[in-house]
C-alpha atoms as a PDB file:
ATOM      1  CA  MET A   1      94.344  75.759  75.103  1.00  0.00           C
ATOM      2  CA  ILE A   2      96.956  78.634  74.155  1.00  0.00           C
ATOM      3  CA  GLU A   3      94.681  80.883  74.208  1.00  0.00           C
ATOM      4  CA  GLU A   4      92.752  79.887  77.706  1.00  0.00           C
ATOM      5  CA  THR A   5      96.640  80.181  78.999  1.00  0.00           C
ATOM      6  CA  LEU A   6      97.510  83.932  77.653  1.00  0.00           C
ATOM      7  CA  ARG A   7      93.718  84.613  78.782  1.00  0.00           C
ATOM      8  CA  GLU A   8      94.465  83.349  82.654  1.00  0.00           C
ATOM      9  CA  GLN A   9      97.775  85.161  82.477  1.00  0.00           C
ATOM     10  CA  LEU A  10      96.503  88.102  81.009  1.00  0.00           C
ATOM     11  CA  GLU A  11      94.177  87.759  84.035  1.00  0.00           C
ATOM     12  CA  GLU A  12      96.260  87.667  86.479  1.00  0.00           C
ATOM     13  CA  LYS A  13      98.219  90.209  85.297  1.00  0.00           C
ATOM     14  CA  GLU A  14      95.431  92.798  85.573  1.00  0.00           C
ATOM     15  CA  ARG A  15      94.816  91.256  89.006  1.00  0.00           C
ATOM     16  CA  ILE A  16      98.566  92.214  89.914  1.00  0.00           C
ATOM     17  CA  GLN A  17      97.973  95.426  88.857  1.00  0.00           C
ATOM     18  CA  VAL A  18      94.789  96.479  91.150  1.00  0.00           C
ATOM     19  CA  GLU A  19      96.478  95.430  94.066  1.00  0.00           C
ATOM     20  CA  LEU A  20      99.842  97.234  93.382  1.00  0.00           C
ATOM     21  CA  GLU A  21      97.574 100.318  92.314  1.00  0.00           C
ATOM     22  CA  ASN A  22      95.943  99.470  95.594  1.00  0.00           C
ATOM     23  CA  GLU A  23      99.347  99.876  97.575  1.00  0.00           C
ATOM     24  CA  ILE A  24     100.593 102.928  95.886  1.00  0.00           C
ATOM     25  CA  MET A  25      96.762 104.761  97.159  1.00  0.00           C
ATOM     26  CA  SER A  26      97.134 103.021 100.640  1.00  0.00           C
ATOM     27  CA  LEU A  27     100.879 103.980 101.079  1.00  0.00           C
ATOM     28  CA  ARG A  28      99.964 107.697  99.031  1.00  0.00           C
ATOM     29  CA  ARG A  29      97.753 108.513 101.793  1.00  0.00           C
ATOM     30  CA  LYS A  30     100.228 107.152 104.486  1.00  0.00           C
ATOM     31  CA  LEU A  31     102.312 109.685 103.456  1.00  0.00           C
ATOM     32  CA  GLN A  32      99.992 112.452 103.180  1.00  0.00           C
ATOM     33  CA  ARG A  33      99.141 112.026 107.077  1.00  0.00           C
ATOM     34  CA  GLU A  34     102.437 111.373 108.087  1.00  0.00           C
ATOM     35  CA  ASP A  35     103.183 114.659 106.230  1.00  0.00           C
ATOM     36  CA  VAL A  36     100.582 116.800 107.758  1.00  0.00           C
ATOM     37  CA  LYS A  37     101.624 114.925 110.967  1.00  0.00           C
ATOM     38  CA  GLN A  38     105.493 115.887 111.005  1.00  0.00           C
ATOM     39  CA  ASN A  39     103.761 119.578 109.902  1.00  0.00           C
ATOM     40  CA  PHE A  40     102.041 119.795 112.787  1.00  0.00           C
ATOM     41  CA  ASP A  41     104.688 118.769 115.348  1.00  0.00           C
ATOM     42  CA  LYS A  42     106.823 121.393 113.753  1.00  0.00           C
ATOM     43  CA  ARG A  43     104.729 124.102 114.137  1.00  0.00           C
ATOM     44  CA  THR A  44     103.890 122.932 117.505  1.00  0.00           C
ATOM     45  CA  LYS A  45     107.552 123.052 118.422  1.00  0.00           C
ATOM     46  CA  ILE A  46     107.841 126.425 117.196  1.00  0.00           C
ATOM     47  CA  LEU A  47     104.516 127.838 119.087  1.00  0.00           C
ATOM     48  CA  ASN A  48     106.184 126.295 122.241  1.00  0.00           C
ATOM     49  CA  GLN A  49     109.864 127.577 122.036  1.00  0.00           C
ATOM     50  CA  ILE A  50     107.903 131.646 120.969  1.00  0.00           C
ATOM     51  CA  ILE A  51     105.424 130.859 124.205  1.00  0.00           C
ATOM     52  CA  SER A  52     108.711 130.006 126.663  1.00  0.00           C
ATOM     53  CA  SER A  53     110.456 132.859 125.405  1.00  0.00           C
ATOM     54  CA  GLN A  54     107.907 135.487 126.697  1.00  0.00           C
ATOM     55  CA  ILE A  55     108.503 137.581 129.644  1.00  0.00           C
ATOM     56  CA  PRO A  56     105.742 137.295 132.046  1.00  0.00           C
ATOM     57  CA  ILE A  57     103.829 140.525 132.263  1.00  0.00           C
ATOM     58  CA  HIS A  58     104.260 141.231 135.702  1.00  0.00           C
ATOM     59  CA  ASP A  59     107.997 141.155 134.886  1.00  0.00           C
ATOM     60  CA  LYS A  60     108.421 144.973 134.813  1.00  0.00           C
ATOM     61  CA  SER A  61     112.965 144.597 134.540  1.00  0.00           C
ATOM     62  CA  GLU A  62     113.197 145.958 131.558  1.00  0.00           C
ATOM     63  CA  ILE A  63     111.375 149.079 132.182  1.00  0.00           C
ATOM     64  CA  GLY A  64     112.857 152.222 132.965  1.00  0.00           C
END
């Protein structure tokens, strides 16, 4: 009786552990995707700033 109860408790703990490990892996993947998205957004913003600050090719006002 006691052994069976302990075995059930152990199985429940193992089940919970597996669920938590799965949740951790899921959250890590989500965090990686968010990091990639943030890096992409940051780089896109920088690129857009560079592009918007360029002088048009036909603008000769600075020459001579």
